[in-house]
Amino acid sequence: RMRERRPDLPVVAISGMTTLDFLTESLELSNVVCLQKPFRPNELMA
């Protein structure tokens, strides 16, 4: 929904439940960077 309004919006997707590999397979979710919870501050900045 956010990318419908701004297609070039950079997004970091986070989750503690599952791996997020499926996100990069969708055209609407291209260029999303996935980060698994729990994460450290340096991992967030990376």
All heavy atoms as atom14 arrays in JSON, in Angstrom:
{
  "sequence": "RMRERRPDLPVVAISGMTTLDFLTESLELSNVVCLQKPFRPNELMA",
  "atom14_mask": [
    [1, 1, 1, 1, 1, 1, 1, 1, 1, 1, 1, 0, 0, 0],
    [1, 1, 1, 1, 1, 1, 1, 1, 0, 0, 0, 0, 0, 0],
    [1, 1, 1, 1, 1, 1, 1, 1, 1, 1, 1, 0, 0, 0],
    [1, 1, 1, 1, 1, 1, 1, 1, 1, 0, 0, 0, 0, 0],
    [1, 1, 1, 1, 1, 1, 1, 1, 1, 1, 1, 0, 0, 0],
    [1, 1, 1, 1, 1, 1, 1, 1, 1, 1, 1, 0, 0, 0],
    [1, 1, 1, 1, 1, 1, 1, 0, 0, 0, 0, 0, 0, 0],
    [1, 1, 1, 1, 1, 1, 1, 1, 0, 0, 0, 0, 0, 0],
    [1, 1, 1, 1, 1, 1, 1, 1, 0, 0, 0, 0, 0, 0],
    [1, 1, 1, 1, 1, 1, 1, 0, 0, 0, 0, 0, 0, 0],
    [1, 1, 1, 1, 1, 1, 1, 0, 0, 0, 0, 0, 0, 0],
    [1, 1, 1, 1, 1, 1, 1, 0, 0, 0, 0, 0, 0, 0],
    [1, 1, 1, 1, 1, 0, 0, 0, 0, 0, 0, 0, 0, 0],
    [1, 1, 1, 1, 1, 1, 1, 1, 0, 0, 0, 0, 0, 0],
    [1, 1, 1, 1, 1, 1, 0, 0, 0, 0, 0, 0, 0, 0],
    [1, 1, 1, 1, 0, 0, 0, 0, 0, 0, 0, 0, 0, 0],
    [1, 1, 1, 1, 1, 1, 1, 1, 0, 0, 0, 0, 0, 0],
    [1, 1, 1, 1, 1, 1, 1, 0, 0, 0, 0, 0, 0, 0],
    [1, 1, 1, 1, 1, 1, 1, 0, 0, 0, 0, 0, 0, 0],
    [1, 1, 1, 1, 1, 1, 1, 1, 0, 0, 0, 0, 0, 0],
    [1, 1, 1, 1, 1, 1, 1, 1, 0, 0, 0, 0, 0, 0],
    [1, 1, 1, 1, 1, 1, 1, 1, 1, 1, 1, 0, 0, 0],
    [1, 1, 1, 1, 1, 1, 1, 1, 0, 0, 0, 0, 0, 0],
    [1, 1, 1, 1, 1, 1, 1, 0, 0, 0, 0, 0, 0, 0],
    [1, 1, 1, 1, 1, 1, 1, 1, 1, 0, 0, 0, 0, 0],
    [1, 1, 1, 1, 1, 1, 0, 0, 0, 0, 0, 0, 0, 0],
    [1, 1, 1, 1, 1, 1, 1, 1, 0, 0, 0, 0, 0, 0],
    [1, 1, 1, 1, 1, 1, 1, 1, 1, 0, 0, 0, 0, 0],
    [1, 1, 1, 1, 1, 1, 1, 1, 0, 0, 0, 0, 0, 0],
    [1, 1, 1, 1, 1, 1, 0, 0, 0, 0, 0, 0, 0, 0],
    [1, 1, 1, 1, 1, 1, 1, 1, 0, 0, 0, 0, 0, 0],
    [1, 1, 1, 1, 1, 1, 1, 0, 0, 0, 0, 0, 0, 0],
    [1, 1, 1, 1, 1, 1, 1, 0, 0, 0, 0, 0, 0, 0],
    [1, 1, 1, 1, 1, 1, 0, 0, 0, 0, 0, 0, 0, 0],
    [1, 1, 1, 1, 1, 1, 1, 1, 0, 0, 0, 0, 0, 0],
    [1, 1, 1, 1, 1, 1, 1, 1, 1, 0, 0, 0, 0, 0],
    [1, 1, 1, 1, 1, 1, 1, 1, 1, 0, 0, 0, 0, 0],
    [1, 1, 1, 1, 1, 1, 1, 0, 0, 0, 0, 0, 0, 0],
    [1, 1, 1, 1, 1, 1, 1, 1, 1, 1, 1, 0, 0, 0],
    [1, 1, 1, 1, 1, 1, 1, 1, 1, 1, 1, 0, 0, 0],
    [1, 1, 1, 1, 1, 1, 1, 0, 0, 0, 0, 0, 0, 0],
    [1, 1, 1, 1, 1, 1, 1, 1, 0, 0, 0, 0, 0, 0],
    [1, 1, 1, 1, 1, 1, 1, 1, 1, 0, 0, 0, 0, 0],
    [1, 1, 1, 1, 1, 1, 1, 1, 0, 0, 0, 0, 0, 0],
    [1, 1, 1, 1, 1, 1, 1, 1, 0, 0, 0, 0, 0, 0],
    [1, 1, 1, 1, 1, 0, 0, 0, 0, 0, 0, 0, 0, 0]
  ],
  "atom14_positions": [
    [[0.83, -1.22, 0.0], [0.0, 0.0, 0.0], [0.86, 1.26, 0.0], [0.57, 2.23, -0.7], [-0.95, 0.0, 1.19], [-2.06, -1.01, 1.02], [-3.02, -1.0, 2.17], [-3.78, 0.24, 2.2], [-4.55, 0.59, 3.2], [-4.68, -0.19, 4.26], [-5.21, 1.73, 3.18], [0.0, 0.0, 0.0], [0.0, 0.0, 0.0], [0.0, 0.0, 0.0]],
    [[1.94, 1.25, 0.79], [2.82, 2.42, 0.81], [3.51, 2.58, -0.54], [3.66, 3.69, -1.04], [3.85, 2.3, 1.94], [3.22, 2.42, 3.32], [4.37, 2.57, 4.71], [5.51, 1.26, 4.46], [0.0, 0.0, 0.0], [0.0, 0.0, 0.0], [0.0, 0.0, 0.0], [0.0, 0.0, 0.0], [0.0, 0.0, 0.0], [0.0, 0.0, 0.0]],
    [[3.91, 1.47, -1.14], [4.59, 1.54, -2.44], [3.64, 1.9, -3.58], [4.09, 2.35, -4.63], [5.32, 0.24, -2.72], [6.6, 0.14, -1.87], [7.64, -0.51, -2.66], [8.96, -0.39, -2.11], [9.89, -1.31, -2.28], [9.61, -2.4, -2.96], [11.09, -1.11, -1.81], [0.0, 0.0, 0.0], [0.0, 0.0, 0.0], [0.0, 0.0, 0.0]],
    [[2.35, 1.71, -3.4], [1.39, 2.19, -4.4], [1.44, 3.71, -4.47], [1.3, 4.29, -5.54], [-0.04, 1.73, -4.05], [-0.28, 0.27, -4.31], [-1.63, -0.21, -3.78], [-2.33, 0.55, -3.06], [-1.98, -1.36, -4.07], [0.0, 0.0, 0.0], [0.0, 0.0, 0.0], [0.0, 0.0, 0.0], [0.0, 0.0, 0.0], [0.0, 0.0, 0.0]],
    [[1.66, 4.33, -3.32], [1.75, 5.79, -3.26], [3.15, 6.3, -3.6], [3.31, 7.39, -4.12], [1.35, 6.27, -1.86], [-0.11, 6.05, -1.55], [-0.43, 6.53, -0.14], [-1.83, 6.42, 0.17], [-2.39, 5.36, 0.74], [-1.66, 4.32, 1.04], [-3.67, 5.35, 1.0], [0.0, 0.0, 0.0], [0.0, 0.0, 0.0], [0.0, 0.0, 0.0]],
    [[4.15, 5.5, -3.24], [5.54, 5.87, -3.51], [6.33, 4.62, -3.91], [6.94, 3.97, -3.06], [6.15, 6.53, -2.28], [7.54, 7.04, -2.59], [8.11, 7.93, -1.55], [9.55, 7.94, -1.74], [10.43, 8.04, -0.78], [10.04, 8.19, 0.45], [11.71, 8.0, -1.04], [0.0, 0.0, 0.0], [0.0, 0.0, 0.0], [0.0, 0.0, 0.0]],
    [[6.34, 4.3, -5.21], [6.96, 3.05, -5.68], [8.44, 2.9, -5.34], [8.93, 1.79, -5.23], [6.75, 3.11, -7.19], [5.61, 4.04, -7.39], [5.68, 5.04, -6.28], [0.0, 0.0, 0.0], [0.0, 0.0, 0.0], [0.0, 0.0, 0.0], [0.0, 0.0, 0.0], [0.0, 0.0, 0.0], [0.0, 0.0, 0.0], [0.0, 0.0, 0.0]],
    [[9.15, 4.0, -5.18], [10.58, 3.92, -4.92], [10.93, 3.93, -3.43], [12.1, 4.07, -3.06], [11.31, 5.06, -5.63], [10.93, 6.43, -5.07], [9.83, 6.56, -4.48], [11.72, 7.37, -5.24], [0.0, 0.0, 0.0], [0.0, 0.0, 0.0], [0.0, 0.0, 0.0], [0.0, 0.0, 0.0], [0.0, 0.0, 0.0], [0.0, 0.0, 0.0]],
    [[9.94, 3.77, -2.55], [10.18, 3.83, -1.11], [11.12, 2.71, -0.67], [10.79, 1.53, -0.83], [8.86, 3.72, -0.33], [9.0, 3.73, 1.19], [9.43, 5.12, 1.68], [7.7, 3.31, 1.84], [0.0, 0.0, 0.0], [0.0, 0.0, 0.0], [0.0, 0.0, 0.0], [0.0, 0.0, 0.0], [0.0, 0.0, 0.0], [0.0, 0.0, 0.0]],
    [[12.27, 3.04, -0.1], [13.15, 2.01, 0.46], [12.52, 1.43, 1.72], [12.02, 2.17, 2.57], [14.44, 2.77, 0.78], [14.37, 4.02, -0.02], [12.91, 4.36, -0.1], [0.0, 0.0, 0.0], [0.0, 0.0, 0.0], [0.0, 0.0, 0.0], [0.0, 0.0, 0.0], [0.0, 0.0, 0.0], [0.0, 0.0, 0.0], [0.0, 0.0, 0.0]],
    [[12.55, 0.1, 1.85], [11.92, -0.57, 3.0], [12.84, -1.64, 3.55], [13.38, -2.45, 2.79], [10.57, -1.21, 2.6], [9.98, -1.98, 3.77], [9.59, -0.17, 2.09], [0.0, 0.0, 0.0], [0.0, 0.0, 0.0], [0.0, 0.0, 0.0], [0.0, 0.0, 0.0], [0.0, 0.0, 0.0], [0.0, 0.0, 0.0], [0.0, 0.0, 0.0]],
    [[12.98, -1.64, 4.88], [13.58, -2.75, 5.6], [12.43, -3.49, 6.26], [11.69, -2.91, 7.06], [14.6, -2.28, 6.67], [15.1, -3.47, 7.48], [15.76, -1.53, 6.03], [0.0, 0.0, 0.0], [0.0, 0.0, 0.0], [0.0, 0.0, 0.0], [0.0, 0.0, 0.0], [0.0, 0.0, 0.0], [0.0, 0.0, 0.0], [0.0, 0.0, 0.0]],
    [[12.22, -4.75, 5.89], [11.17, -5.58, 6.47], [11.77, -6.42, 7.58], [12.82, -7.05, 7.4], [10.56, -6.48, 5.4], [0.0, 0.0, 0.0], [0.0, 0.0, 0.0], [0.0, 0.0, 0.0], [0.0, 0.0, 0.0], [0.0, 0.0, 0.0], [0.0, 0.0, 0.0], [0.0, 0.0, 0.0], [0.0, 0.0, 0.0], [0.0, 0.0, 0.0]],
    [[11.13, -6.4, 8.75], [11.64, -7.15, 9.89], [10.6, -8.17, 10.35], [9.4, -7.96, 10.2], [12.05, -6.22, 11.05], [10.87, -5.36, 11.52], [13.23, -5.35, 10.65], [11.18, -4.5, 12.74], [0.0, 0.0, 0.0], [0.0, 0.0, 0.0], [0.0, 0.0, 0.0], [0.0, 0.0, 0.0], [0.0, 0.0, 0.0], [0.0, 0.0, 0.0]],
    [[11.09, -9.29, 10.89], [10.2, -10.31, 11.4], [10.93, -11.23, 12.36], [12.09, -11.54, 12.14], [9.62, -11.15, 10.26], [8.87, -12.22, 10.8], [0.0, 0.0, 0.0], [0.0, 0.0, 0.0], [0.0, 0.0, 0.0], [0.0, 0.0, 0.0], [0.0, 0.0, 0.0], [0.0, 0.0, 0.0], [0.0, 0.0, 0.0], [0.0, 0.0, 0.0]],
    [[10.22, -11.66, 13.38], [10.77, -12.65, 14.31], [10.17, -14.02, 14.1], [10.52, -14.96, 14.77], [0.0, 0.0, 0.0], [0.0, 0.0, 0.0], [0.0, 0.0, 0.0], [0.0, 0.0, 0.0], [0.0, 0.0, 0.0], [0.0, 0.0, 0.0], [0.0, 0.0, 0.0], [0.0, 0.0, 0.0], [0.0, 0.0, 0.0], [0.0, 0.0, 0.0]],
    [[9.24, -14.14, 13.16], [8.48, -15.37, 12.99], [9.04, -16.31, 11.93], [8.89, -17.5, 12.03], [7.04, -15.03, 12.61], [6.34, -14.24, 13.66], [5.72, -15.33, 14.91], [4.08, -14.73, 15.09], [0.0, 0.0, 0.0], [0.0, 0.0, 0.0], [0.0, 0.0, 0.0], [0.0, 0.0, 0.0], [0.0, 0.0, 0.0], [0.0, 0.0, 0.0]],
    [[9.62, -15.78, 10.88], [9.97, -16.62, 9.75], [11.08, -15.96, 8.94], [11.35, -14.77, 9.1], [8.73, -16.86, 8.86], [9.08, -17.74, 7.8], [8.22, -15.58, 8.26], [0.0, 0.0, 0.0], [0.0, 0.0, 0.0], [0.0, 0.0, 0.0], [0.0, 0.0, 0.0], [0.0, 0.0, 0.0], [0.0, 0.0, 0.0], [0.0, 0.0, 0.0]],
    [[11.66, -16.71, 8.05], [12.57, -16.09, 7.11], [11.75, -15.27, 6.13], [10.58, -15.55, 5.89], [13.41, -17.13, 6.33], [12.52, -17.95, 5.59], [14.27, -17.94, 7.27], [0.0, 0.0, 0.0], [0.0, 0.0, 0.0], [0.0, 0.0, 0.0], [0.0, 0.0, 0.0], [0.0, 0.0, 0.0], [0.0, 0.0, 0.0], [0.0, 0.0, 0.0]],
    [[12.34, -14.27, 5.56], [11.61, -13.33, 4.72], [11.99, -13.43, 3.26], [11.74, -12.51, 2.49], [11.84, -11.91, 5.24], [11.41, -11.67, 6.68], [11.86, -10.3, 7.15], [9.9, -11.81, 6.81], [0.0, 0.0, 0.0], [0.0, 0.0, 0.0], [0.0, 0.0, 0.0], [0.0, 0.0, 0.0], [0.0, 0.0, 0.0], [0.0, 0.0, 0.0]],
    [[12.56, -14.57, 2.86], [13.0, -14.73, 1.48], [11.87, -14.54, 0.47], [12.1, -14.07, -0.64], [13.62, -16.11, 1.26], [14.87, -16.31, 2.1], [15.48, -15.3, 2.49], [15.22, -17.47, 2.35], [0.0, 0.0, 0.0], [0.0, 0.0, 0.0], [0.0, 0.0, 0.0], [0.0, 0.0, 0.0], [0.0, 0.0, 0.0], [0.0, 0.0, 0.0]],
    [[10.65, -14.87, 0.85], [9.52, -14.76, -0.06], [9.24, -13.31, -0.48], [8.65, -13.07, -1.52], [8.25, -15.36, 0.57], [7.72, -14.56, 1.72], [6.75, -13.58, 1.52], [8.16, -14.79, 3.01], [6.26, -12.85, 2.59], [7.69, -14.06, 4.08], [6.73, -13.09, 3.88], [0.0, 0.0, 0.0], [0.0, 0.0, 0.0], [0.0, 0.0, 0.0]],
    [[9.68, -12.36, 0.31], [9.4, -10.96, -0.01], [10.05, -10.51, -1.31], [9.48, -9.74, -2.05], [9.89, -10.04, 1.12], [9.07, -10.06, 2.39], [9.7, -9.14, 3.42], [7.63, -9.66, 2.14], [0.0, 0.0, 0.0], [0.0, 0.0, 0.0], [0.0, 0.0, 0.0], [0.0, 0.0, 0.0], [0.0, 0.0, 0.0], [0.0, 0.0, 0.0]],
    [[11.24, -10.96, -1.57], [11.97, -10.49, -2.74], [11.45, -11.09, -4.03], [11.86, -10.67, -5.11], [13.47, -10.79, -2.59], [13.63, -12.19, -2.38], [14.06, -10.03, -1.41], [0.0, 0.0, 0.0], [0.0, 0.0, 0.0], [0.0, 0.0, 0.0], [0.0, 0.0, 0.0], [0.0, 0.0, 0.0], [0.0, 0.0, 0.0], [0.0, 0.0, 0.0]],
    [[10.53, -12.07, -3.93], [9.99, -12.71, -5.13], [8.85, -11.93, -5.76], [8.45, -12.21, -6.88], [9.54, -14.14, -4.78], [10.69, -15.01, -4.34], [10.23, -16.36, -3.8], [9.02, -16.65, -3.88], [11.08, -17.11, -3.31], [0.0, 0.0, 0.0], [0.0, 0.0, 0.0], [0.0, 0.0, 0.0], [0.0, 0.0, 0.0], [0.0, 0.0, 0.0]],
    [[8.31, -10.96, -5.07], [7.18, -10.18, -5.56], [7.67, -8.88, -6.18], [8.51, -8.19, -5.62], [6.24, -9.88, -4.39], [5.27, -8.94, -4.77], [0.0, 0.0, 0.0], [0.0, 0.0, 0.0], [0.0, 0.0, 0.0], [0.0, 0.0, 0.0], [0.0, 0.0, 0.0], [0.0, 0.0, 0.0], [0.0, 0.0, 0.0], [0.0, 0.0, 0.0]],
    [[7.12, -8.53, -7.34], [7.53, -7.31, -8.03], [7.26, -6.07, -7.16], [8.08, -5.16, -7.11], [6.8, -7.18, -9.37], [7.16, -5.98, -10.23], [8.65, -6.0, -10.55], [6.34, -5.97, -11.49], [0.0, 0.0, 0.0], [0.0, 0.0, 0.0], [0.0, 0.0, 0.0], [0.0, 0.0, 0.0], [0.0, 0.0, 0.0], [0.0, 0.0, 0.0]],
    [[6.12, -6.06, -6.46], [5.78, -4.92, -5.61], [6.76, -4.76, -4.46], [6.87, -3.7, -3.86], [4.36, -5.04, -5.03], [3.27, -5.07, -6.05], [2.97, -6.49, -6.54], [3.56, -7.47, -6.02], [2.16, -6.61, -7.47], [0.0, 0.0, 0.0], [0.0, 0.0, 0.0], [0.0, 0.0, 0.0], [0.0, 0.0, 0.0], [0.0, 0.0, 0.0]],
    [[7.45, -5.83, -4.13], [8.35, -5.81, -2.98], [9.81, -5.88, -3.39], [10.67, -6.22, -2.58], [8.0, -6.97, -2.04], [6.57, -6.93, -1.5], [6.26, -8.19, -0.73], [6.33, -5.7, -0.67], [0.0, 0.0, 0.0], [0.0, 0.0, 0.0], [0.0, 0.0, 0.0], [0.0, 0.0, 0.0], [0.0, 0.0, 0.0], [0.0, 0.0, 0.0]],
    [[10.09, -5.53, -4.64], [11.47, -5.54, -5.08], [12.28, -4.54, -4.28], [11.78, -3.52, -3.81], [11.55, -5.21, -6.58], [11.09, -3.9, -6.81], [0.0, 0.0, 0.0], [0.0, 0.0, 0.0], [0.0, 0.0, 0.0], [0.0, 0.0, 0.0], [0.0, 0.0, 0.0], [0.0, 0.0, 0.0], [0.0, 0.0, 0.0], [0.0, 0.0, 0.0]],
    [[13.53, -4.85, -4.08], [14.48, -4.02, -3.35], [14.18, -3.88, -1.86], [14.74, -3.01, -1.21], [14.61, -2.62, -3.98], [15.29, -2.68, -5.32], [16.11, -3.56, -5.56], [14.94, -1.77, -6.19], [0.0, 0.0, 0.0], [0.0, 0.0, 0.0], [0.0, 0.0, 0.0], [0.0, 0.0, 0.0], [0.0, 0.0, 0.0], [0.0, 0.0, 0.0]],
    [[13.3, -4.72, -1.33], [13.09, -4.74, 0.12], [14.27, -5.49, 0.74], [14.68, -6.53, 0.25], [11.76, -5.44, 0.49], [11.67, -5.71, 1.98], [10.58, -4.61, 0.02], [0.0, 0.0, 0.0], [0.0, 0.0, 0.0], [0.0, 0.0, 0.0], [0.0, 0.0, 0.0], [0.0, 0.0, 0.0], [0.0, 0.0, 0.0], [0.0, 0.0, 0.0]],
    [[14.8, -4.95, 1.82], [15.87, -5.62, 2.55], [15.22, -6.27, 3.77], [14.44, -5.63, 4.49], [16.97, -4.63, 2.97], [17.93, -5.27, 3.96], [17.72, -4.14, 1.75], [0.0, 0.0, 0.0], [0.0, 0.0, 0.0], [0.0, 0.0, 0.0], [0.0, 0.0, 0.0], [0.0, 0.0, 0.0], [0.0, 0.0, 0.0], [0.0, 0.0, 0.0]],
    [[15.52, -7.54, 4.0], [14.91, -8.3, 5.08], [15.87, -8.44, 6.25], [17.06, -8.64, 6.05], [14.5, -9.68, 4.57], [13.37, -9.61, 3.17], [0.0, 0.0, 0.0], [0.0, 0.0, 0.0], [0.0, 0.0, 0.0], [0.0, 0.0, 0.0], [0.0, 0.0, 0.0], [0.0, 0.0, 0.0], [0.0, 0.0, 0.0], [0.0, 0.0, 0.0]],
    [[15.31, -8.34, 7.46], [16.12, -8.45, 8.67], [15.36, -9.3, 9.68], [14.2, -9.01, 10.0], [16.4, -7.06, 9.24], [17.29, -6.94, 10.45], [18.68, -7.51, 10.17], [17.4, -5.49, 10.9], [0.0, 0.0, 0.0], [0.0, 0.0, 0.0], [0.0, 0.0, 0.0], [0.0, 0.0, 0.0], [0.0, 0.0, 0.0], [0.0, 0.0, 0.0]],
    [[16.01, -10.36, 10.15], [15.4, -11.3, 11.09], [15.55, -10.81, 12.52], [16.65, -10.42, 12.94], [16.08, -12.67, 10.92], [15.44, -13.78, 11.7], [14.17, -14.27, 11.05], [14.04, -14.25, 9.84], [13.24, -14.72, 11.86], [0.0, 0.0, 0.0], [0.0, 0.0, 0.0], [0.0, 0.0, 0.0], [0.0, 0.0, 0.0], [0.0, 0.0, 0.0]],
    [[14.46, -10.8, 13.3], [14.51, -10.5, 14.73], [14.97, -11.74, 15.47], [14.63, -12.85, 15.04], [13.12, -10.12, 15.26], [12.56, -8.83, 14.78], [11.19, -8.66, 15.43], [10.41, -7.5, 14.89], [9.07, -7.41, 15.49], [0.0, 0.0, 0.0], [0.0, 0.0, 0.0], [0.0, 0.0, 0.0], [0.0, 0.0, 0.0], [0.0, 0.0, 0.0]],
    [[15.64, -11.63, 16.57], [16.19, -10.39, 17.12], [17.44, -9.98, 16.36], [18.15, -10.82, 15.81], [16.53, -10.77, 18.56], [16.84, -12.24, 18.5], [15.95, -12.79, 17.4], [0.0, 0.0, 0.0], [0.0, 0.0, 0.0], [0.0, 0.0, 0.0], [0.0, 0.0, 0.0], [0.0, 0.0, 0.0], [0.0, 0.0, 0.0], [0.0, 0.0, 0.0]],
    [[17.69, -8.69, 16.32], [18.87, -8.19, 15.63], [19.58, -7.19, 16.52], [18.99, -6.61, 17.43], [18.52, -7.57, 14.27], [17.38, -6.58, 14.34], [17.6, -5.26, 14.72], [16.09, -6.97, 14.02], [16.56, -4.36, 14.79], [15.04, -6.07, 14.07], [15.27, -4.76, 14.46], [0.0, 0.0, 0.0], [0.0, 0.0, 0.0], [0.0, 0.0, 0.0]],
    [[20.84, -7.01, 16.23], [21.67, -6.06, 16.98], [21.66, -4.71, 16.26], [21.38, -4.65, 15.05], [23.09, -6.58, 17.08], [23.2, -7.81, 17.95], [24.67, -8.12, 18.22], [24.8, -9.0, 19.34], [24.97, -10.31, 19.24], [25.05, -10.87, 18.06], [25.09, -11.04, 20.32], [0.0, 0.0, 0.0], [0.0, 0.0, 0.0], [0.0, 0.0, 0.0]],
    [[22.01, -3.65, 16.95], [22.04, -2.33, 16.31], [22.91, -2.28, 15.06], [22.52, -1.68, 14.06], [22.6, -1.42, 17.42], [22.12, -2.06, 18.69], [22.23, -3.56, 18.41], [0.0, 0.0, 0.0], [0.0, 0.0, 0.0], [0.0, 0.0, 0.0], [0.0, 0.0, 0.0], [0.0, 0.0, 0.0], [0.0, 0.0, 0.0], [0.0, 0.0, 0.0]],
    [[24.08, -2.94, 15.09], [24.94, -2.92, 13.91], [24.3, -3.65, 12.74], [24.5, -3.29, 11.57], [26.33, -3.47, 14.22], [26.33, -4.92, 14.64], [25.39, -5.4, 15.27], [27.4, -5.62, 14.33], [0.0, 0.0, 0.0], [0.0, 0.0, 0.0], [0.0, 0.0, 0.0], [0.0, 0.0, 0.0], [0.0, 0.0, 0.0], [0.0, 0.0, 0.0]],
    [[23.51, -4.69, 13.0], [22.8, -5.4, 11.93], [21.7, -4.53, 11.34], [21.48, -4.53, 10.13], [22.21, -6.71, 12.46], [23.27, -7.71, 12.89], [22.7, -8.88, 13.68], [21.75, -8.69, 14.47], [23.23, -9.99, 13.5], [0.0, 0.0, 0.0], [0.0, 0.0, 0.0], [0.0, 0.0, 0.0], [0.0, 0.0, 0.0], [0.0, 0.0, 0.0]],
    [[21.02, -3.76, 12.19], [20.01, -2.82, 11.7], [20.65, -1.77, 10.81], [20.16, -1.49, 9.71], [19.3, -2.15, 12.88], [18.31, -1.05, 12.52], [17.17, -1.59, 11.66], [17.79, -0.38, 13.78], [0.0, 0.0, 0.0], [0.0, 0.0, 0.0], [0.0, 0.0, 0.0], [0.0, 0.0, 0.0], [0.0, 0.0, 0.0], [0.0, 0.0, 0.0]],
    [[21.76, -1.21, 11.24], [22.42, -0.18, 10.43], [22.95, -0.76, 9.12], [22.9, -0.09, 8.08], [23.53, 0.49, 11.23], [23.04, 1.33, 12.42], [21.71, 2.5, 12.0], [22.52, 3.54, 10.8], [0.0, 0.0, 0.0], [0.0, 0.0, 0.0], [0.0, 0.0, 0.0], [0.0, 0.0, 0.0], [0.0, 0.0, 0.0], [0.0, 0.0, 0.0]],
    [[23.41, -2.0, 9.14], [23.86, -2.64, 7.9], [22.69, -2.83, 6.94], [22.82, -2.62, 5.73], [24.54, -3.97, 8.2], [0.0, 0.0, 0.0], [0.0, 0.0, 0.0], [0.0, 0.0, 0.0], [0.0, 0.0, 0.0], [0.0, 0.0, 0.0], [0.0, 0.0, 0.0], [0.0, 0.0, 0.0], [0.0, 0.0, 0.0], [0.0, 0.0, 0.0]]
  ]
}
